[in-house]
Amino acid sequence: MKSHIEIPSILFHYCTIQEFIDIISNKQIMLKDLQKYDKFANLNKVVDLINYILQYKNKDIINKGDIFKTLPIFGLEHLMEKVGDKILPFFYAFILSSNCDKWYMYQKYSADLCIGFRTDLFTHFENNKLICLKKVNYDIEELENIIDEIMDKYINEYMPNKDDDKSLENIWEYINSDLISESIAYKNEYFSDENEYRLILNSQIKKAFLEDDNSYQNLKDTINLSTSNNNFSLSELKFMTENNQLVSYRYLGYISLLNLIDSIYINPVGNVTESDVEQLLSVKNVKYNDIKIKKTLLN
């Protein structure tokens, strides 16, 4: 995958009224557990995809009569069956889109507002190992090809007669790190109208917070941009109920977050008015003269 992505000057976040109040009041955005937030994320399906490709390759190898090449497949299949349900780590994501006023993509009343953020902030996270902005790729076949190629490499490099063969260990490490990280940037073509971007807090966070007493401060130091005007904070793990699920999340706070708001669009089927938004911004001492506030029309 390319490490560099073209980032639009404005990205939009669809949210409820309560989330909007939270953003304005506390200068923070909510990063939710991606597996709970987006049930269509490929993170949930990558294990099944690996198993499917392994089964296909196993049949192909048997048909060709190269029985020794079934050994690495058997080894990985056994490992996937034994601990495959434990490889999916936690990613926390703030969902954005290059589209505004696309209310048809959401269930009625599930998104009350659409906030346009200038993307100056997100460009700083492009090469950060713990938090980064990813553009969703809707070509699922590309992910399948990545898995297919790495499986071929693993099978061909496997040496059953070598005592210190590391191929199974290496492929397992790849699945747990690079492949999982890559898979969260893919989604089915059916959702391509979303034009989605994801600000993602890496899976390392779970381990760091659970096992390292000093990780909170270390993490804040890591994602801090180290300039006098940019002050970040990352909250402890929190929980909420959503769609009858228990969803974990973290707050990412940025002292200048409100200065990045370019526009606020209001869902035409909701009861929020432009004056409501202006009044809230005034109470929170947010200057909104340069913020476009608009109640959109039904399409």
Protein backbone atom coordinates (compact mmCIF):
# COMPACT_ATOMS: atom_id res chain seq x y z
CA MET A 1 0.00 0.00 0.00
CA LYS A 2 1.06 3.56 -0.62
CA SER A 3 2.19 5.38 2.49
CA HIS A 4 1.15 8.76 1.07
CA ILE A 5 -2.46 9.69 0.42
CA GLU A 6 -3.97 12.82 -1.06
CA ILE A 7 -5.96 14.52 1.67
CA PRO A 8 -8.78 16.92 0.67
CA SER A 9 -8.66 20.36 2.26
CA ILE A 10 -11.97 19.63 4.03
CA LEU A 11 -13.23 16.32 5.46
CA PHE A 12 -16.68 15.84 6.96
CA HIS A 13 -17.85 14.01 10.05
CA TYR A 14 -21.50 12.99 10.43
CA CYS A 15 -22.69 12.96 14.02
CA THR A 16 -25.61 13.16 16.41
CA ILE A 17 -26.60 16.34 18.22
CA GLN A 18 -25.09 15.01 21.46
CA GLU A 19 -21.75 14.25 19.82
CA PHE A 20 -21.72 17.73 18.29
CA ILE A 21 -22.30 19.30 21.72
CA ASP A 22 -19.48 17.16 23.10
CA ILE A 23 -17.08 18.27 20.35
CA ILE A 24 -17.90 21.95 20.84
CA SER A 25 -17.95 21.86 24.65
CA ASN A 26 -14.77 19.83 25.22
CA LYS A 27 -12.68 20.36 22.06
CA GLN A 28 -12.36 16.63 21.55
CA ILE A 29 -13.35 13.96 19.08
CA MET A 30 -14.51 10.44 19.88
CA LEU A 31 -12.58 7.49 18.44
CA LYS A 32 -14.75 4.36 18.65
CA ASP A 33 -13.84 0.68 18.56
CA LEU A 34 -13.85 0.11 14.79
CA GLN A 35 -15.15 -3.46 14.99
CA LYS A 36 -18.23 -2.30 16.89
CA TYR A 37 -18.68 0.98 15.05
CA ASP A 38 -18.53 -0.47 11.55
CA LYS A 39 -19.82 -4.03 11.27
CA PHE A 40 -18.86 -4.05 7.59
CA ALA A 41 -15.19 -3.37 8.31
CA ASN A 42 -12.92 -5.99 6.80
CA LEU A 43 -11.16 -6.27 10.13
CA ASN A 44 -13.95 -8.63 11.14
CA LYS A 45 -13.64 -10.72 7.99
CA VAL A 46 -9.91 -10.96 7.35
CA VAL A 47 -9.54 -14.25 9.26
CA ASP A 48 -12.25 -15.87 7.13
CA LEU A 49 -10.55 -14.51 4.02
CA ILE A 50 -7.20 -16.02 5.05
CA ASN A 51 -8.82 -19.40 5.75
CA TYR A 52 -10.63 -19.34 2.41
CA ILE A 53 -7.42 -18.66 0.50
CA LEU A 54 -5.58 -21.38 2.43
CA GLN A 55 -8.28 -23.94 1.59
CA TYR A 56 -8.18 -22.96 -2.08
CA LYS A 57 -4.41 -23.30 -2.22
CA ASN A 58 -4.51 -26.62 -0.40
CA LYS A 59 -6.89 -28.09 -3.01
CA ASP A 60 -4.78 -26.70 -5.83
CA ILE A 61 -1.57 -28.19 -4.40
CA ILE A 62 -3.18 -31.60 -3.87
CA ASN A 63 -4.47 -31.57 -7.46
CA LYS A 64 -0.92 -30.91 -8.66
CA GLY A 65 0.41 -33.80 -6.55
CA ASP A 66 2.93 -31.67 -4.61
CA ILE A 67 1.94 -33.15 -1.26
CA PHE A 68 4.88 -31.66 0.69
CA LYS A 69 3.58 -28.12 0.08
CA THR A 70 0.47 -28.97 2.08
CA LEU A 71 2.62 -28.99 5.25
CA PRO A 72 2.94 -25.19 5.63
CA ILE A 73 -0.78 -24.83 4.88
CA PHE A 74 -1.68 -27.41 7.52
CA GLY A 75 0.58 -25.66 10.05
CA LEU A 76 -1.00 -22.26 9.48
CA GLU A 77 -4.54 -23.64 9.35
CA HIS A 78 -3.96 -25.37 12.70
CA LEU A 79 -2.65 -22.13 14.18
CA MET A 80 -5.58 -20.12 12.82
CA GLU A 81 -8.04 -22.64 14.24
CA LYS A 82 -6.31 -22.61 17.62
CA VAL A 83 -5.87 -18.87 18.22
CA GLY A 84 -7.34 -17.14 15.16
CA ASP A 85 -10.08 -15.50 17.20
CA LYS A 86 -7.43 -13.70 19.25
CA ILE A 87 -5.56 -11.93 16.45
CA LEU A 88 -8.08 -9.15 15.92
CA PRO A 89 -6.77 -6.23 17.99
CA PHE A 90 -8.50 -3.03 18.94
CA PHE A 91 -8.47 -0.09 16.57
CA TYR A 92 -10.19 3.15 17.48
CA ALA A 93 -11.42 5.32 14.62
CA PHE A 94 -12.89 8.73 13.95
CA ILE A 95 -14.86 8.38 10.71
CA LEU A 96 -14.69 11.12 8.07
CA SER A 97 -15.87 11.53 4.49
CA SER A 98 -15.01 13.74 1.54
CA ASN A 99 -18.79 14.09 0.99
CA CYS A 100 -21.13 16.52 2.66
CA ASP A 101 -24.92 16.55 2.55
CA LYS A 102 -25.09 12.81 1.79
CA TRP A 103 -27.75 11.98 4.36
CA TYR A 104 -29.05 8.98 2.38
CA MET A 105 -25.97 7.03 3.49
CA TYR A 106 -27.20 7.02 7.08
CA GLN A 107 -30.26 5.71 8.86
CA LYS A 108 -32.92 8.30 9.50
CA TYR A 109 -32.05 10.46 12.53
CA SER A 110 -28.74 8.62 13.10
CA ALA A 111 -26.84 11.67 11.81
CA ASP A 112 -28.18 15.10 12.76
CA LEU A 113 -25.24 17.21 11.64
CA CYS A 114 -22.30 17.11 9.26
CA ILE A 115 -19.19 19.00 10.43
CA GLY A 116 -16.57 20.08 7.92
CA PHE A 117 -13.04 20.05 9.37
CA ARG A 118 -10.04 21.66 7.73
CA THR A 119 -7.50 18.87 7.42
CA ASP A 120 -4.35 20.73 8.53
CA LEU A 121 -4.35 18.60 11.69
CA PHE A 122 -4.61 15.22 9.98
CA THR A 123 -1.63 15.75 7.69
CA HIS A 124 0.64 15.64 10.75
CA PHE A 125 -0.47 12.08 11.46
CA GLU A 126 0.35 10.66 8.03
CA ASN A 127 3.47 8.71 9.04
CA ASN A 128 2.71 8.30 12.73
CA LYS A 129 2.86 4.66 13.90
CA LEU A 130 0.24 5.08 16.62
CA ILE A 131 -2.30 7.37 15.00
CA CYS A 132 -2.77 7.96 11.29
CA LEU A 133 -5.29 8.95 8.66
CA LYS A 134 -6.23 6.21 6.18
CA LYS A 135 -8.28 6.55 3.01
CA VAL A 136 -10.61 3.59 2.60
CA ASN A 137 -9.97 1.46 -0.48
CA TYR A 138 -13.13 -0.06 -2.00
CA ASP A 139 -11.27 -2.57 -4.20
CA ILE A 140 -11.60 -5.67 -2.03
CA GLU A 141 -9.82 -7.76 -4.67
CA GLU A 142 -6.65 -5.82 -3.93
CA LEU A 143 -6.72 -7.07 -0.34
CA GLU A 144 -7.33 -10.62 -1.58
CA ASN A 145 -4.33 -10.30 -3.91
CA ILE A 146 -2.14 -9.10 -1.03
CA ILE A 147 -3.09 -12.14 1.04
CA ASP A 148 -2.70 -14.46 -1.94
CA GLU A 149 0.81 -13.21 -2.70
CA ILE A 150 2.02 -13.41 0.89
CA MET A 151 0.63 -16.95 1.21
CA ASP A 152 2.46 -18.01 -1.97
CA LYS A 153 5.67 -16.57 -0.59
CA TYR A 154 5.18 -18.39 2.71
CA ILE A 155 4.44 -21.76 1.06
CA ASN A 156 7.36 -21.52 -1.35
CA GLU A 157 9.86 -20.52 1.37
CA TYR A 158 8.74 -23.20 3.81
CA MET A 159 11.53 -25.73 4.43
CA PRO A 160 10.16 -28.82 6.26
CA ASN A 161 13.60 -30.40 6.67
CA LYS A 162 15.20 -27.36 8.29
CA ASP A 163 15.11 -27.39 12.11
CA ASP A 164 15.28 -23.61 12.51
CA ASP A 165 12.71 -22.76 9.83
CA LYS A 166 11.03 -19.47 10.79
CA SER A 167 8.48 -19.26 7.99
CA LEU A 168 5.42 -20.07 10.13
CA GLU A 169 6.55 -17.63 12.82
CA ASN A 170 7.15 -14.93 10.19
CA ILE A 171 3.78 -15.34 8.47
CA TRP A 172 1.99 -15.29 11.82
CA GLU A 173 3.79 -12.08 12.79
CA TYR A 174 2.82 -10.55 9.46
CA ILE A 175 -0.85 -11.48 9.92
CA ASN A 176 -0.90 -9.99 13.42
CA SER A 177 0.70 -6.71 12.41
CA ASP A 178 0.95 -5.58 8.79
CA LEU A 179 -1.98 -7.52 7.35
CA ILE A 180 -4.41 -6.51 10.09
CA SER A 181 -3.30 -2.87 9.78
CA GLU A 182 -3.76 -2.96 6.02
CA SER A 183 -7.13 -4.69 6.15
CA ILE A 184 -8.83 -1.85 8.03
CA ALA A 185 -8.29 0.40 5.01
CA TYR A 186 -10.48 -1.80 2.80
CA LYS A 187 -14.23 -1.98 2.43
CA ASN A 188 -16.69 -3.54 -0.01
CA GLU A 189 -17.36 -1.64 -3.25
CA TYR A 190 -21.02 -1.41 -2.25
CA PHE A 191 -20.08 1.40 0.17
CA SER A 192 -17.89 3.36 -2.24
CA ASP A 193 -20.26 6.37 -2.25
CA GLU A 194 -19.13 7.05 1.31
CA ASN A 195 -15.65 8.20 0.18
CA GLU A 196 -14.51 7.40 3.69
CA TYR A 197 -11.37 8.33 5.59
CA ARG A 198 -10.46 6.96 9.01
CA LEU A 199 -8.37 8.61 11.69
CA ILE A 200 -7.14 5.46 13.41
CA LEU A 201 -5.55 4.85 16.78
CA ASN A 202 -3.35 1.78 16.35
CA SER A 203 -3.87 -1.61 18.02
CA GLN A 204 -0.68 -1.12 20.04
CA ILE A 205 -2.70 1.16 22.29
CA LYS A 206 -4.59 -1.72 23.88
CA LYS A 207 -1.42 -3.50 24.95
CA ALA A 208 0.26 -0.30 26.04
CA PHE A 209 -2.60 0.81 28.25
CA LEU A 210 -3.18 -2.59 29.79
CA GLU A 211 0.44 -3.51 30.51
CA ASP A 212 2.45 -0.32 30.90
CA ASP A 213 1.76 1.98 33.83
CA ASN A 214 3.59 4.85 32.10
CA SER A 215 2.04 4.34 28.68
CA TYR A 216 -0.53 7.13 28.99
CA GLN A 217 2.08 9.87 29.29
CA ASN A 218 4.36 8.14 26.79
CA LEU A 219 1.55 7.97 24.27
CA LYS A 220 0.61 11.61 24.71
CA ASP A 221 4.25 12.52 24.13
CA THR A 222 4.29 10.39 21.00
CA ILE A 223 1.26 11.94 19.33
CA ASN A 224 2.02 15.50 20.51
CA LEU A 225 3.16 17.60 17.57
CA SER A 226 5.79 19.21 19.77
CA THR A 227 4.87 22.76 18.91
CA SER A 228 3.84 25.38 21.40
CA ASN A 229 0.35 25.85 19.94
CA ASN A 230 -0.61 22.20 19.53
CA ASN A 231 -1.67 20.56 22.78
CA PHE A 232 -3.19 17.08 22.67
CA SER A 233 -4.74 14.72 25.19
CA LEU A 234 -5.88 11.13 24.99
CA SER A 235 -8.51 9.89 27.44
CA GLU A 236 -8.62 6.64 29.31
CA LEU A 237 -10.78 3.87 27.89
CA LYS A 238 -14.50 4.69 28.17
CA PHE A 239 -17.67 2.79 27.34
CA MET A 240 -21.07 3.60 25.91
CA THR A 241 -24.10 1.66 24.67
CA GLU A 242 -24.96 1.89 21.00
CA ASN A 243 -27.31 -0.30 18.95
CA ASN A 244 -27.57 -2.70 21.91
CA GLN A 245 -23.79 -3.09 22.02
CA LEU A 246 -21.21 -2.13 24.62
CA VAL A 247 -18.80 0.06 22.65
CA SER A 248 -15.41 1.20 23.91
CA TYR A 249 -13.95 4.52 22.83
CA ARG A 250 -11.33 7.14 23.60
CA TYR A 251 -11.39 10.91 23.37
CA LEU A 252 -8.66 12.66 21.43
CA GLY A 253 -8.55 16.27 22.56
CA TYR A 254 -6.94 19.13 20.63
CA ILE A 255 -6.88 22.62 22.06
CA SER A 256 -7.33 24.28 18.64
CA LEU A 257 -9.92 21.82 17.34
CA LEU A 258 -12.71 24.37 17.02
CA ASN A 259 -10.53 26.59 14.84
CA LEU A 260 -10.52 23.80 12.27
CA ILE A 261 -14.31 23.84 11.79
CA ASP A 262 -15.09 25.12 8.31
CA SER A 263 -18.79 24.34 8.02
CA ILE A 264 -21.78 22.77 9.74
CA TYR A 265 -24.57 21.22 7.69
CA ILE A 266 -27.89 20.27 9.30
CA ASN A 267 -29.94 17.21 8.37
CA PRO A 268 -33.14 18.43 6.63
CA VAL A 269 -35.34 15.80 8.34
CA GLY A 270 -34.22 16.79 11.85
CA ASN A 271 -35.49 19.51 14.18
CA VAL A 272 -32.20 21.37 14.63
CA THR A 273 -32.17 24.88 13.18
CA GLU A 274 -29.38 27.18 12.08
CA SER A 275 -30.14 29.51 14.99
CA ASP A 276 -29.84 26.57 17.42
CA VAL A 277 -26.31 25.93 16.21
CA GLU A 278 -25.39 29.61 16.31
CA GLN A 279 -26.71 29.92 19.86
CA LEU A 280 -24.67 26.90 21.04
CA LEU A 281 -21.52 28.27 19.43
CA SER A 282 -22.10 31.65 21.06
CA VAL A 283 -22.53 30.12 24.53
CA LYS A 284 -19.24 28.22 24.03
CA ASN A 285 -17.49 31.42 22.87
CA VAL A 286 -16.89 30.06 19.39
CA LYS A 287 -16.66 32.73 16.70
CA TYR A 288 -18.81 31.46 13.86
CA ASN A 289 -18.76 34.36 11.37
CA ASP A 290 -16.42 32.37 9.13
CA ILE A 291 -18.22 29.03 9.65
CA LYS A 292 -20.80 28.12 7.05
CA ILE A 293 -23.96 26.98 8.86
CA LYS A 294 -26.70 25.62 6.63
CA LYS A 295 -29.90 23.61 6.96
CA THR A 296 -29.76 21.43 3.88
CA LEU A 297 -32.71 20.60 1.61
CA LEU A 298 -34.26 17.21 0.93
CA ASN A 299 -32.74 15.65 -2.19
